[in-house]
């Protein structure tokens, strides 16, 4: 979790830019006629479409129009998401013992059984961890992609922090909104996790042997 926190602090700006590029409206323009109104209890807000042509263009526009803090939007839910690691890896080790056997793991034998055991353990642990901690990804994405302005021209965020965003999402969309896109995320994350852990488990003994020799 400490390693994950260090990585998150350094790479969060990259995730923000990636999320903006993925979620932007390709037809976005600055004309006010293209703004789509959304309701708010205190006043009427308007979604401001943003359009970036490249990674560098996104970084430049974000810095000019929103300041350095925009690169760290969604940082709190991203850090909370480190609980994902605390769930996945203990489960992965437990599932390995269950599917492969402690004796075979200690001896390093059973290549075929070891491969399928690691595959099953990595997939199941990832599914459990993602299911338990997925809401943080929804909140992080909402915070990273929000950009609204008031009719008087003042730019104001729709969500003010993780607690306010959680309350707003639950009040306006219900608890199901916290799991929006989870199926698509599973299709991406589970195979990626399986490939990573299978590669690690396969190369670690060989690498350790290389270092000893």
N, C-alpha and C. Protein backbone atom coordinates (compact mmCIF):
# COMPACT_ATOMS: atom_id res chain seq x y z
N UNK A 1 0.83 -1.21 0.00
CA UNK A 1 0.00 0.00 0.00
C UNK A 1 0.86 1.26 0.00
N UNK A 2 2.02 1.20 0.69
CA UNK A 2 2.94 2.35 0.68
C UNK A 2 3.50 2.57 -0.71
N UNK A 3 3.88 1.48 -1.36
CA UNK A 3 4.38 1.59 -2.74
C UNK A 3 3.29 2.12 -3.66
N UNK A 4 2.06 1.66 -3.45
CA UNK A 4 0.94 2.13 -4.27
C UNK A 4 0.65 3.60 -4.06
N UNK A 5 0.76 4.07 -2.80
CA UNK A 5 0.53 5.47 -2.50
C UNK A 5 1.59 6.35 -3.17
N UNK A 6 2.83 5.91 -3.12
CA UNK A 6 3.91 6.66 -3.78
C UNK A 6 3.68 6.75 -5.28
N UNK A 7 3.29 5.63 -5.87
CA UNK A 7 3.03 5.60 -7.31
C UNK A 7 1.85 6.49 -7.67
N UNK A 8 0.79 6.45 -6.86
CA UNK A 8 -0.40 7.25 -7.14
C UNK A 8 -0.10 8.74 -7.09
N UNK A 9 0.67 9.17 -6.10
CA UNK A 9 1.01 10.58 -5.96
C UNK A 9 1.80 11.08 -7.17
N UNK A 10 2.66 10.24 -7.71
CA UNK A 10 3.50 10.65 -8.84
C UNK A 10 2.73 10.62 -10.16
N UNK A 11 1.87 9.60 -10.33
CA UNK A 11 1.25 9.37 -11.64
C UNK A 11 -0.18 9.88 -11.74
N UNK A 12 -0.75 10.45 -10.69
CA UNK A 12 -2.14 10.91 -10.75
C UNK A 12 -2.40 11.88 -11.92
N UNK A 13 -1.49 12.85 -12.20
CA UNK A 13 -1.73 13.73 -13.36
C UNK A 13 -1.90 12.97 -14.67
N UNK A 14 -1.18 11.87 -14.83
CA UNK A 14 -1.31 11.07 -16.06
C UNK A 14 -2.70 10.45 -16.15
N UNK A 15 -3.22 9.96 -15.01
CA UNK A 15 -4.54 9.37 -14.99
C UNK A 15 -5.62 10.41 -15.28
N UNK A 16 -5.44 11.62 -14.75
CA UNK A 16 -6.42 12.68 -14.99
C UNK A 16 -6.47 13.01 -16.48
N UNK A 17 -5.31 13.18 -17.10
CA UNK A 17 -5.27 13.50 -18.53
C UNK A 17 -5.85 12.37 -19.35
N UNK A 18 -5.52 11.13 -19.00
CA UNK A 18 -6.06 9.98 -19.73
C UNK A 18 -7.57 9.93 -19.63
N UNK A 19 -8.10 10.16 -18.43
CA UNK A 19 -9.55 10.14 -18.24
C UNK A 19 -10.22 11.25 -19.01
N UNK A 20 -9.61 12.45 -19.02
CA UNK A 20 -10.17 13.56 -19.78
C UNK A 20 -10.21 13.23 -21.28
N UNK A 21 -9.13 12.68 -21.80
CA UNK A 21 -9.06 12.35 -23.22
C UNK A 21 -10.08 11.28 -23.60
N UNK A 22 -10.30 10.33 -22.70
CA UNK A 22 -11.24 9.24 -22.98
C UNK A 22 -12.69 9.69 -22.92
N UNK A 23 -12.97 10.67 -22.06
CA UNK A 23 -14.36 11.05 -21.83
C UNK A 23 -14.78 12.32 -22.54
N UNK A 24 -13.86 12.97 -23.25
CA UNK A 24 -14.19 14.25 -23.87
C UNK A 24 -15.15 14.07 -25.05
N UNK A 25 -15.86 15.13 -25.31
CA UNK A 25 -16.75 15.17 -26.46
C UNK A 25 -15.96 15.64 -27.67
N UNK A 26 -15.84 14.79 -28.67
CA UNK A 26 -15.03 15.12 -29.84
C UNK A 26 -15.58 16.31 -30.61
N UNK A 27 -16.87 16.57 -30.46
CA UNK A 27 -17.50 17.68 -31.16
C UNK A 27 -17.60 18.94 -30.30
N UNK A 28 -16.88 18.93 -29.17
CA UNK A 28 -17.00 20.05 -28.24
C UNK A 28 -16.54 21.35 -28.87
N UNK A 29 -17.23 22.39 -28.54
CA UNK A 29 -16.87 23.72 -29.02
C UNK A 29 -17.17 24.72 -27.92
N UNK A 30 -16.71 25.91 -28.09
CA UNK A 30 -16.87 26.91 -27.04
C UNK A 30 -18.18 27.68 -27.17
N UNK A 31 -18.92 27.44 -28.22
CA UNK A 31 -20.17 28.17 -28.41
C UNK A 31 -21.17 27.83 -27.32
N UNK A 32 -21.79 28.83 -26.77
CA UNK A 32 -22.72 28.60 -25.67
C UNK A 32 -23.97 27.86 -26.10
N UNK A 33 -24.24 27.86 -27.38
CA UNK A 33 -25.42 27.17 -27.87
C UNK A 33 -25.30 25.66 -27.72
N UNK A 34 -24.06 25.18 -27.56
CA UNK A 34 -23.85 23.74 -27.44
C UNK A 34 -23.81 23.30 -25.99
N UNK A 35 -23.93 24.20 -25.04
CA UNK A 35 -23.94 23.83 -23.64
C UNK A 35 -25.24 23.12 -23.31
N UNK A 36 -25.15 22.13 -22.47
CA UNK A 36 -26.34 21.42 -22.04
C UNK A 36 -26.62 21.73 -20.58
N UNK A 37 -27.77 22.29 -20.24
CA UNK A 37 -28.04 22.69 -18.86
C UNK A 37 -28.30 21.48 -17.97
N UNK A 38 -27.90 21.60 -16.73
CA UNK A 38 -28.23 20.61 -15.73
C UNK A 38 -28.78 21.35 -14.53
N UNK A 39 -29.65 20.70 -13.79
CA UNK A 39 -30.30 21.38 -12.68
C UNK A 39 -29.49 21.28 -11.42
N UNK A 40 -29.62 22.28 -10.58
CA UNK A 40 -28.98 22.29 -9.28
C UNK A 40 -29.93 22.94 -8.31
N UNK A 41 -29.85 22.55 -7.05
CA UNK A 41 -30.81 23.06 -6.07
C UNK A 41 -30.66 24.55 -5.83
N UNK A 42 -29.44 25.08 -5.94
CA UNK A 42 -29.22 26.49 -5.63
C UNK A 42 -29.27 27.38 -6.86
N UNK A 43 -28.81 26.89 -7.99
CA UNK A 43 -28.78 27.70 -9.20
C UNK A 43 -28.62 26.80 -10.41
N UNK A 44 -28.70 27.38 -11.58
CA UNK A 44 -28.59 26.59 -12.81
C UNK A 44 -27.15 26.57 -13.29
N UNK A 45 -26.66 25.37 -13.55
CA UNK A 45 -25.30 25.21 -14.03
C UNK A 45 -25.34 24.76 -15.49
N UNK A 46 -24.21 24.92 -16.15
CA UNK A 46 -24.09 24.52 -17.54
C UNK A 46 -22.82 23.70 -17.71
N UNK A 47 -22.94 22.57 -18.32
CA UNK A 47 -21.75 21.77 -18.60
C UNK A 47 -20.91 22.46 -19.67
N UNK A 48 -19.62 22.56 -19.41
CA UNK A 48 -18.73 23.17 -20.39
C UNK A 48 -17.95 22.06 -21.09
N UNK A 49 -18.19 21.82 -22.37
CA UNK A 49 -17.45 20.77 -23.08
C UNK A 49 -16.00 21.18 -23.25
N UNK A 50 -15.09 20.25 -23.06
CA UNK A 50 -13.69 20.53 -23.30
C UNK A 50 -13.20 19.65 -24.43
N UNK A 51 -12.22 20.13 -25.14
CA UNK A 51 -11.72 19.38 -26.27
C UNK A 51 -10.20 19.49 -26.32
N UNK A 52 -9.52 18.35 -26.24
CA UNK A 52 -8.06 18.32 -26.28
C UNK A 52 -7.62 17.55 -27.52
N UNK A 53 -6.60 18.03 -28.15
CA UNK A 53 -6.10 17.39 -29.37
C UNK A 53 -4.98 16.40 -29.09
N UNK A 54 -4.33 16.50 -27.94
CA UNK A 54 -3.23 15.61 -27.61
C UNK A 54 -2.98 15.65 -26.11
N UNK A 55 -2.06 14.83 -25.65
CA UNK A 55 -1.73 14.80 -24.23
C UNK A 55 -1.14 16.13 -23.78
N UNK A 56 -0.21 16.65 -24.56
CA UNK A 56 0.42 17.93 -24.21
C UNK A 56 -0.59 19.08 -24.26
N UNK A 57 -1.50 19.02 -25.25
CA UNK A 57 -2.53 20.06 -25.35
C UNK A 57 -3.45 20.01 -24.13
N UNK A 58 -3.78 18.80 -23.68
CA UNK A 58 -4.63 18.66 -22.50
C UNK A 58 -3.94 19.22 -21.26
N UNK A 59 -2.66 18.88 -21.10
CA UNK A 59 -1.91 19.37 -19.94
C UNK A 59 -1.82 20.89 -19.96
N UNK A 60 -1.59 21.46 -21.13
CA UNK A 60 -1.46 22.92 -21.23
C UNK A 60 -2.78 23.61 -20.91
N UNK A 61 -3.88 23.13 -21.49
CA UNK A 61 -5.18 23.75 -21.26
C UNK A 61 -5.65 23.58 -19.82
N UNK A 62 -5.39 22.43 -19.25
CA UNK A 62 -5.78 22.22 -17.86
C UNK A 62 -5.03 23.17 -16.93
N UNK A 63 -3.75 23.35 -17.19
CA UNK A 63 -2.96 24.24 -16.34
C UNK A 63 -3.40 25.69 -16.50
N UNK A 64 -3.67 26.10 -17.75
CA UNK A 64 -4.04 27.49 -18.01
C UNK A 64 -5.41 27.84 -17.45
N UNK A 65 -6.38 26.92 -17.61
CA UNK A 65 -7.76 27.23 -17.27
C UNK A 65 -8.18 26.76 -15.88
N UNK A 66 -7.50 25.74 -15.35
CA UNK A 66 -7.94 25.17 -14.07
C UNK A 66 -6.87 25.15 -12.99
N UNK A 67 -5.62 25.43 -13.38
CA UNK A 67 -4.56 25.47 -12.39
C UNK A 67 -3.94 24.12 -12.10
N UNK A 68 -2.90 24.13 -11.29
CA UNK A 68 -2.15 22.91 -11.00
C UNK A 68 -2.99 21.90 -10.22
N UNK A 69 -3.98 22.38 -9.47
CA UNK A 69 -4.79 21.47 -8.65
C UNK A 69 -5.61 20.51 -9.50
N UNK A 70 -5.90 20.88 -10.74
CA UNK A 70 -6.70 20.00 -11.60
C UNK A 70 -5.99 18.68 -11.88
N UNK A 71 -4.66 18.68 -11.84
CA UNK A 71 -3.90 17.46 -12.10
C UNK A 71 -4.01 16.47 -10.94
N UNK A 72 -4.48 16.94 -9.81
CA UNK A 72 -4.61 16.06 -8.65
C UNK A 72 -6.06 15.89 -8.22
N UNK A 73 -6.98 16.19 -9.14
CA UNK A 73 -8.39 15.91 -8.87
C UNK A 73 -8.59 14.40 -8.80
N UNK A 74 -9.41 13.97 -7.87
CA UNK A 74 -9.65 12.54 -7.69
C UNK A 74 -8.55 11.82 -6.95
N UNK A 75 -7.61 12.58 -6.35
CA UNK A 75 -6.49 11.94 -5.67
C UNK A 75 -6.95 11.18 -4.42
N UNK A 76 -7.88 11.76 -3.66
CA UNK A 76 -8.34 11.11 -2.43
C UNK A 76 -9.00 9.76 -2.70
N UNK A 77 -9.96 9.66 -3.63
CA UNK A 77 -10.51 8.32 -3.91
C UNK A 77 -9.48 7.38 -4.50
N UNK A 78 -8.49 7.92 -5.23
CA UNK A 78 -7.43 7.06 -5.76
C UNK A 78 -6.61 6.46 -4.63
N UNK A 79 -6.33 7.27 -3.61
CA UNK A 79 -5.60 6.75 -2.45
C UNK A 79 -6.45 5.76 -1.66
N UNK A 80 -7.74 6.05 -1.56
CA UNK A 80 -8.63 5.10 -0.89
C UNK A 80 -8.69 3.78 -1.66
N UNK A 81 -8.49 3.89 -2.97
CA UNK A 81 -8.52 2.69 -3.80
C UNK A 81 -7.37 1.74 -3.53
N UNK A 82 -6.37 2.19 -2.74
CA UNK A 82 -5.28 1.29 -2.39
C UNK A 82 -5.76 0.15 -1.51
N UNK A 83 -6.96 0.31 -0.94
CA UNK A 83 -7.55 -0.81 -0.20
C UNK A 83 -7.76 -2.01 -1.14
N UNK A 84 -7.84 -1.73 -2.44
CA UNK A 84 -7.94 -2.80 -3.45
C UNK A 84 -6.75 -3.75 -3.33
N UNK A 85 -5.56 -3.18 -3.13
CA UNK A 85 -4.35 -3.99 -3.00
C UNK A 85 -4.40 -4.83 -1.72
N UNK A 86 -4.91 -4.21 -0.66
CA UNK A 86 -4.99 -4.91 0.63
C UNK A 86 -5.96 -6.07 0.58
N UNK A 87 -6.90 -6.04 -0.37
CA UNK A 87 -7.85 -7.14 -0.53
C UNK A 87 -7.30 -8.18 -1.50
N UNK A 88 -6.76 -7.72 -2.63
CA UNK A 88 -6.37 -8.64 -3.70
C UNK A 88 -5.21 -9.56 -3.33
N UNK A 89 -4.13 -9.02 -2.81
CA UNK A 89 -2.93 -9.84 -2.64
C UNK A 89 -3.03 -10.86 -1.51
N UNK A 90 -3.63 -10.53 -0.36
CA UNK A 90 -3.85 -11.61 0.61
C UNK A 90 -4.75 -12.72 0.07
N UNK A 91 -5.79 -12.33 -0.68
CA UNK A 91 -6.66 -13.34 -1.28
C UNK A 91 -5.90 -14.16 -2.32
N UNK A 92 -5.05 -13.51 -3.09
CA UNK A 92 -4.26 -14.22 -4.10
C UNK A 92 -3.38 -15.29 -3.46
N UNK A 93 -2.71 -14.94 -2.37
CA UNK A 93 -1.84 -15.91 -1.69
C UNK A 93 -2.67 -17.05 -1.09
N UNK A 94 -3.84 -16.71 -0.54
CA UNK A 94 -4.69 -17.76 0.04
C UNK A 94 -5.23 -18.70 -1.04
N UNK A 95 -5.65 -18.13 -2.18
CA UNK A 95 -6.17 -18.95 -3.28
C UNK A 95 -5.07 -19.83 -3.88
N UNK A 96 -3.84 -19.32 -3.92
CA UNK A 96 -2.73 -20.13 -4.43
C UNK A 96 -2.55 -21.39 -3.59
N UNK A 97 -2.58 -21.23 -2.28
CA UNK A 97 -2.44 -22.39 -1.39
C UNK A 97 -3.61 -23.35 -1.60
N UNK A 98 -4.82 -22.80 -1.82
CA UNK A 98 -6.00 -23.63 -1.99
C UNK A 98 -5.95 -24.42 -3.29
N UNK A 99 -5.55 -23.77 -4.38
CA UNK A 99 -5.59 -24.41 -5.70
C UNK A 99 -4.34 -25.23 -6.02
N UNK A 100 -3.20 -24.85 -5.46
CA UNK A 100 -1.95 -25.53 -5.81
C UNK A 100 -1.50 -26.47 -4.70
N UNK A 101 -1.67 -26.04 -3.47
CA UNK A 101 -1.21 -26.84 -2.34
C UNK A 101 0.06 -26.25 -1.74
N UNK A 102 0.11 -26.20 -0.43
CA UNK A 102 1.26 -25.59 0.24
C UNK A 102 2.55 -26.36 -0.04
N UNK A 103 2.47 -27.68 -0.09
CA UNK A 103 3.67 -28.50 -0.29
C UNK A 103 4.28 -28.25 -1.66
N UNK A 104 3.42 -28.22 -2.69
CA UNK A 104 3.93 -27.96 -4.04
C UNK A 104 4.50 -26.56 -4.17
N UNK A 105 3.89 -25.59 -3.50
CA UNK A 105 4.39 -24.22 -3.55
C UNK A 105 5.77 -24.12 -2.92
N UNK A 106 5.96 -24.83 -1.78
CA UNK A 106 7.25 -24.77 -1.10
C UNK A 106 8.34 -25.48 -1.90
N UNK A 107 7.98 -26.57 -2.59
CA UNK A 107 8.96 -27.31 -3.39
C UNK A 107 9.16 -26.69 -4.77
N UNK A 108 8.19 -25.88 -5.23
CA UNK A 108 8.29 -25.29 -6.55
C UNK A 108 8.04 -26.29 -7.66
N UNK A 109 7.24 -27.31 -7.38
CA UNK A 109 6.94 -28.34 -8.38
C UNK A 109 5.53 -28.17 -8.91
N UNK A 110 5.18 -29.03 -9.86
CA UNK A 110 3.81 -29.03 -10.40
C UNK A 110 3.59 -27.88 -11.36
N UNK A 111 4.37 -27.85 -12.45
CA UNK A 111 4.30 -26.74 -13.40
C UNK A 111 2.92 -26.50 -13.97
N UNK A 112 2.26 -27.57 -14.47
CA UNK A 112 0.95 -27.42 -15.09
C UNK A 112 -0.08 -26.99 -14.05
N UNK A 113 -0.06 -27.67 -12.90
CA UNK A 113 -0.97 -27.32 -11.82
C UNK A 113 -0.69 -25.91 -11.32
N UNK A 114 0.58 -25.56 -11.25
CA UNK A 114 0.98 -24.24 -10.77
C UNK A 114 0.43 -23.14 -11.68
N UNK A 115 0.51 -23.34 -13.00
CA UNK A 115 0.03 -22.34 -13.95
C UNK A 115 -1.46 -22.10 -13.79
N UNK A 116 -2.25 -23.15 -13.80
CA UNK A 116 -3.69 -23.00 -13.69
C UNK A 116 -4.11 -22.54 -12.31
N UNK A 117 -3.35 -22.91 -11.31
CA UNK A 117 -3.64 -22.45 -9.96
C UNK A 117 -3.42 -20.95 -9.81
N UNK A 118 -2.31 -20.47 -10.38
CA UNK A 118 -2.03 -19.03 -10.35
C UNK A 118 -3.07 -18.27 -11.16
N UNK A 119 -3.45 -18.83 -12.31
CA UNK A 119 -4.46 -18.18 -13.15
C UNK A 119 -5.78 -18.04 -12.40
N UNK A 120 -6.23 -19.11 -11.79
CA UNK A 120 -7.49 -19.08 -11.05
C UNK A 120 -7.40 -18.15 -9.85
N UNK A 121 -6.28 -18.21 -9.13
CA UNK A 121 -6.11 -17.36 -7.95
C UNK A 121 -6.08 -15.89 -8.32
N UNK A 122 -5.39 -15.55 -9.41
CA UNK A 122 -5.30 -14.14 -9.82
C UNK A 122 -6.66 -13.61 -10.28
N UNK A 123 -7.40 -14.42 -11.03
CA UNK A 123 -8.71 -13.97 -11.52
C UNK A 123 -9.70 -13.79 -10.37
N UNK A 124 -9.79 -14.78 -9.49
CA UNK A 124 -10.75 -14.70 -8.39
C UNK A 124 -10.41 -13.58 -7.42
N UNK A 125 -9.12 -13.40 -7.12
CA UNK A 125 -8.73 -12.33 -6.19
C UNK A 125 -9.01 -10.96 -6.79
N UNK A 126 -8.81 -10.82 -8.10
CA UNK A 126 -9.08 -9.54 -8.76
C UNK A 126 -10.57 -9.25 -8.78
N UNK A 127 -11.39 -10.23 -9.06
CA UNK A 127 -12.84 -10.05 -9.07
C UNK A 127 -13.33 -9.63 -7.68
N UNK A 128 -12.85 -10.28 -6.65
CA UNK A 128 -13.26 -9.95 -5.28
C UNK A 128 -12.83 -8.54 -4.90
N UNK A 129 -11.58 -8.20 -5.21
CA UNK A 129 -11.06 -6.88 -4.84
C UNK A 129 -11.77 -5.77 -5.61
N UNK A 130 -12.00 -5.98 -6.91
CA UNK A 130 -12.67 -4.97 -7.72
C UNK A 130 -14.11 -4.77 -7.27
N UNK A 131 -14.79 -5.86 -6.96
CA UNK A 131 -16.18 -5.75 -6.51
C UNK A 131 -16.29 -5.00 -5.19
N UNK A 132 -15.32 -5.22 -4.30
CA UNK A 132 -15.37 -4.60 -2.97
C UNK A 132 -15.01 -3.12 -2.99
N UNK A 133 -14.15 -2.72 -3.93
CA UNK A 133 -13.61 -1.35 -3.89
C UNK A 133 -13.96 -0.52 -5.12
N UNK A 134 -14.84 -1.03 -5.99
CA UNK A 134 -15.11 -0.33 -7.25
C UNK A 134 -15.67 1.09 -7.09
N UNK A 135 -16.52 1.38 -6.10
CA UNK A 135 -17.08 2.74 -6.00
C UNK A 135 -16.04 3.86 -6.03
N UNK A 136 -14.84 3.60 -5.54
CA UNK A 136 -13.82 4.66 -5.54
C UNK A 136 -13.45 5.07 -6.97
N UNK A 137 -13.54 4.11 -7.92
CA UNK A 137 -13.20 4.44 -9.30
C UNK A 137 -14.25 5.36 -9.92
N UNK A 138 -15.52 5.14 -9.58
CA UNK A 138 -16.59 6.01 -10.06
C UNK A 138 -16.40 7.42 -9.52
N UNK A 139 -16.14 7.54 -8.23
CA UNK A 139 -15.95 8.85 -7.62
C UNK A 139 -14.71 9.55 -8.18
N UNK A 140 -13.65 8.81 -8.39
CA UNK A 140 -12.43 9.39 -8.95
C UNK A 140 -12.68 9.93 -10.35
N UNK A 141 -13.39 9.15 -11.16
CA UNK A 141 -13.67 9.59 -12.53
C UNK A 141 -14.57 10.82 -12.54
N UNK A 142 -15.58 10.84 -11.67
CA UNK A 142 -16.47 12.00 -11.60
C UNK A 142 -15.68 13.27 -11.24
N UNK A 143 -14.79 13.15 -10.28
CA UNK A 143 -14.01 14.30 -9.85
C UNK A 143 -13.02 14.74 -10.91
N UNK A 144 -12.49 13.80 -11.68
CA UNK A 144 -11.48 14.14 -12.69
C UNK A 144 -12.09 14.74 -13.95
N UNK A 145 -13.32 14.38 -14.26
CA UNK A 145 -13.92 14.83 -15.52
C UNK A 145 -14.88 15.99 -15.35
N UNK A 146 -15.19 16.38 -14.14
CA UNK A 146 -16.17 17.46 -13.95
C UNK A 146 -15.58 18.79 -14.42
N UNK A 147 -16.44 19.58 -15.00
CA UNK A 147 -16.09 20.94 -15.37
C UNK A 147 -17.38 21.68 -15.69
N UNK A 148 -17.84 22.50 -14.78
CA UNK A 148 -19.09 23.21 -14.97
C UNK A 148 -18.88 24.69 -14.70
N UNK A 149 -19.76 25.49 -15.24
CA UNK A 149 -19.68 26.93 -15.03
C UNK A 149 -21.06 27.49 -14.75
N UNK A 150 -21.13 28.54 -13.99
CA UNK A 150 -22.38 29.21 -13.67
C UNK A 150 -22.74 30.17 -14.79
N UNK A 151 -23.99 30.53 -14.89
CA UNK A 151 -24.42 31.42 -15.96
C UNK A 151 -23.74 32.79 -15.89
N UNK A 152 -23.29 33.18 -14.68
CA UNK A 152 -22.63 34.47 -14.56
C UNK A 152 -21.16 34.42 -14.97
N UNK A 153 -20.70 33.23 -15.38
CA UNK A 153 -19.34 33.10 -15.88
C UNK A 153 -18.36 32.53 -14.89
N UNK A 154 -18.75 32.39 -13.64
CA UNK A 154 -17.86 31.84 -12.62
C UNK A 154 -17.80 30.32 -12.75
N UNK A 155 -16.59 29.80 -12.81
CA UNK A 155 -16.41 28.36 -12.89
C UNK A 155 -16.50 27.76 -11.50
N UNK A 156 -17.37 26.78 -11.35
CA UNK A 156 -17.57 26.13 -10.06
C UNK A 156 -17.63 24.62 -10.25
N UNK A 157 -17.00 23.88 -9.37
CA UNK A 157 -17.06 22.42 -9.49
C UNK A 157 -18.42 21.88 -9.08
N UNK A 158 -18.86 20.83 -9.75
CA UNK A 158 -20.13 20.20 -9.39
C UNK A 158 -19.98 19.39 -8.12
N UNK A 159 -18.83 18.73 -7.97
CA UNK A 159 -18.57 17.94 -6.78
C UNK A 159 -17.44 18.59 -5.99
N UNK A 160 -17.64 18.74 -4.69
CA UNK A 160 -16.64 19.37 -3.83
C UNK A 160 -16.08 18.33 -2.86
N UNK A 161 -15.14 17.55 -3.35
CA UNK A 161 -14.52 16.54 -2.51
C UNK A 161 -15.22 15.20 -2.59
N UNK A 162 -14.60 14.19 -2.00
CA UNK A 162 -15.10 12.83 -2.13
C UNK A 162 -16.40 12.62 -1.37
N UNK A 163 -16.55 13.24 -0.20
CA UNK A 163 -17.78 13.06 0.58
C UNK A 163 -18.96 13.71 -0.13
N UNK A 164 -18.74 14.93 -0.62
CA UNK A 164 -19.82 15.62 -1.33
C UNK A 164 -20.19 14.89 -2.61
N UNK A 165 -19.19 14.39 -3.32
CA UNK A 165 -19.48 13.66 -4.56
C UNK A 165 -20.24 12.38 -4.28
N UNK A 166 -19.89 11.67 -3.20
CA UNK A 166 -20.60 10.45 -2.85
C UNK A 166 -22.05 10.75 -2.48
N UNK A 167 -22.27 11.81 -1.71
CA UNK A 167 -23.63 12.19 -1.34
C UNK A 167 -24.44 12.59 -2.56
N UNK A 168 -23.84 13.38 -3.45
CA UNK A 168 -24.55 13.85 -4.64
C UNK A 168 -24.92 12.71 -5.56
N UNK A 169 -23.97 11.81 -5.80
CA UNK A 169 -24.22 10.67 -6.68
C UNK A 169 -25.33 9.79 -6.10
N UNK A 170 -25.25 9.53 -4.80
CA UNK A 170 -26.27 8.68 -4.17
C UNK A 170 -27.64 9.34 -4.19
N UNK A 171 -27.68 10.64 -3.92
CA UNK A 171 -28.96 11.36 -3.87
C UNK A 171 -29.61 11.45 -5.25
N UNK A 172 -28.81 11.71 -6.27
CA UNK A 172 -29.36 11.95 -7.60
C UNK A 172 -29.51 10.68 -8.44
N UNK A 173 -28.66 9.66 -8.19
CA UNK A 173 -28.66 8.50 -9.07
C UNK A 173 -28.84 7.17 -8.37
N UNK A 174 -28.76 7.16 -7.04
CA UNK A 174 -28.95 5.91 -6.31
C UNK A 174 -27.66 5.11 -6.18
N UNK A 175 -27.71 4.01 -5.42
CA UNK A 175 -26.51 3.24 -5.13
C UNK A 175 -25.97 2.52 -6.36
N UNK A 176 -26.82 2.26 -7.34
CA UNK A 176 -26.34 1.55 -8.53
C UNK A 176 -25.30 2.36 -9.30
N UNK A 177 -25.35 3.68 -9.17
CA UNK A 177 -24.40 4.53 -9.89
C UNK A 177 -22.96 4.26 -9.46
N UNK A 178 -22.77 3.78 -8.23
CA UNK A 178 -21.42 3.51 -7.73
C UNK A 178 -20.80 2.29 -8.40
N UNK A 179 -21.61 1.54 -9.14
CA UNK A 179 -21.10 0.35 -9.83
C UNK A 179 -21.26 0.45 -11.34
N UNK A 180 -21.46 1.67 -11.82
CA UNK A 180 -21.58 1.88 -13.27
C UNK A 180 -20.27 1.53 -13.96
N UNK A 181 -20.36 0.71 -15.00
CA UNK A 181 -19.18 0.34 -15.78
C UNK A 181 -18.33 -0.75 -15.16
N UNK A 182 -18.82 -1.38 -14.09
CA UNK A 182 -18.00 -2.40 -13.43
C UNK A 182 -17.76 -3.61 -14.33
N UNK A 183 -18.77 -3.99 -15.11
CA UNK A 183 -18.59 -5.13 -16.01
C UNK A 183 -17.49 -4.88 -17.02
N UNK A 184 -17.50 -3.69 -17.62
CA UNK A 184 -16.45 -3.34 -18.58
C UNK A 184 -15.09 -3.31 -17.91
N UNK A 185 -15.05 -2.80 -16.68
CA UNK A 185 -13.79 -2.76 -15.94
C UNK A 185 -13.26 -4.16 -15.66
N UNK A 186 -14.16 -5.10 -15.37
CA UNK A 186 -13.74 -6.48 -15.12
C UNK A 186 -13.11 -7.09 -16.38
N UNK A 187 -13.72 -6.81 -17.54
CA UNK A 187 -13.19 -7.35 -18.79
C UNK A 187 -11.77 -6.87 -19.04
N UNK A 188 -11.49 -5.64 -18.61
CA UNK A 188 -10.14 -5.09 -18.78
C UNK A 188 -9.19 -5.54 -17.68
N UNK A 189 -9.64 -5.45 -16.43
CA UNK A 189 -8.74 -5.60 -15.29
C UNK A 189 -8.38 -7.05 -14.98
N UNK A 190 -9.35 -7.95 -15.11
CA UNK A 190 -9.09 -9.34 -14.72
C UNK A 190 -8.04 -10.00 -15.62
N UNK A 191 -8.14 -9.93 -16.96
CA UNK A 191 -7.07 -10.50 -17.79
C UNK A 191 -5.73 -9.81 -17.57
N UNK A 192 -5.74 -8.49 -17.37
CA UNK A 192 -4.48 -7.78 -17.14
C UNK A 192 -3.82 -8.25 -15.85
N UNK A 193 -4.62 -8.41 -14.80
CA UNK A 193 -4.08 -8.89 -13.53
C UNK A 193 -3.55 -10.32 -13.67
N UNK A 194 -4.29 -11.15 -14.38
CA UNK A 194 -3.87 -12.54 -14.57
C UNK A 194 -2.54 -12.61 -15.31
N UNK A 195 -2.39 -11.84 -16.38
CA UNK A 195 -1.14 -11.84 -17.14
C UNK A 195 0.03 -11.34 -16.29
N UNK A 196 -0.22 -10.30 -15.50
CA UNK A 196 0.84 -9.74 -14.66
C UNK A 196 1.31 -10.75 -13.62
N UNK A 197 0.38 -11.37 -12.91
CA UNK A 197 0.75 -12.28 -11.83
C UNK A 197 1.32 -13.60 -12.36
N UNK A 198 0.79 -14.07 -13.50
CA UNK A 198 1.35 -15.30 -14.09
C UNK A 198 2.79 -15.05 -14.54
N UNK A 199 3.03 -13.90 -15.17
CA UNK A 199 4.39 -13.56 -15.61
C UNK A 199 5.33 -13.43 -14.42
N UNK A 200 4.84 -12.75 -13.37
CA UNK A 200 5.67 -12.57 -12.17
C UNK A 200 6.00 -13.91 -11.53
N UNK A 201 4.98 -14.76 -11.37
CA UNK A 201 5.20 -16.05 -10.73
C UNK A 201 6.12 -16.95 -11.57
N UNK A 202 6.06 -16.79 -12.89
CA UNK A 202 6.88 -17.62 -13.77
C UNK A 202 8.33 -17.16 -13.81
N UNK A 203 8.54 -15.85 -13.78
CA UNK A 203 9.88 -15.30 -13.92
C UNK A 203 10.63 -15.19 -12.61
N UNK A 204 9.91 -15.07 -11.50
CA UNK A 204 10.58 -14.87 -10.21
C UNK A 204 11.57 -15.98 -9.87
N UNK A 205 11.20 -17.28 -9.97
CA UNK A 205 12.19 -18.33 -9.65
C UNK A 205 13.40 -18.27 -10.56
N UNK A 206 13.18 -18.04 -11.87
CA UNK A 206 14.29 -17.98 -12.81
C UNK A 206 15.19 -16.79 -12.51
N UNK A 207 14.57 -15.66 -12.16
CA UNK A 207 15.36 -14.47 -11.87
C UNK A 207 16.18 -14.64 -10.60
N UNK A 208 15.56 -15.24 -9.58
CA UNK A 208 16.29 -15.50 -8.33
C UNK A 208 17.45 -16.46 -8.56
N UNK A 209 17.21 -17.47 -9.38
CA UNK A 209 18.27 -18.42 -9.71
C UNK A 209 19.41 -17.72 -10.43
N UNK A 210 19.08 -16.79 -11.34
CA UNK A 210 20.08 -16.03 -12.07
C UNK A 210 20.94 -15.20 -11.11
N UNK A 211 20.30 -14.56 -10.11
CA UNK A 211 21.02 -13.73 -9.16
C UNK A 211 21.97 -14.59 -8.31
N UNK A 212 21.50 -15.78 -7.90
CA UNK A 212 22.32 -16.66 -7.07
C UNK A 212 23.54 -17.14 -7.84
N UNK A 213 23.30 -17.51 -9.10
CA UNK A 213 24.42 -18.01 -9.94
C UNK A 213 25.40 -16.89 -10.23
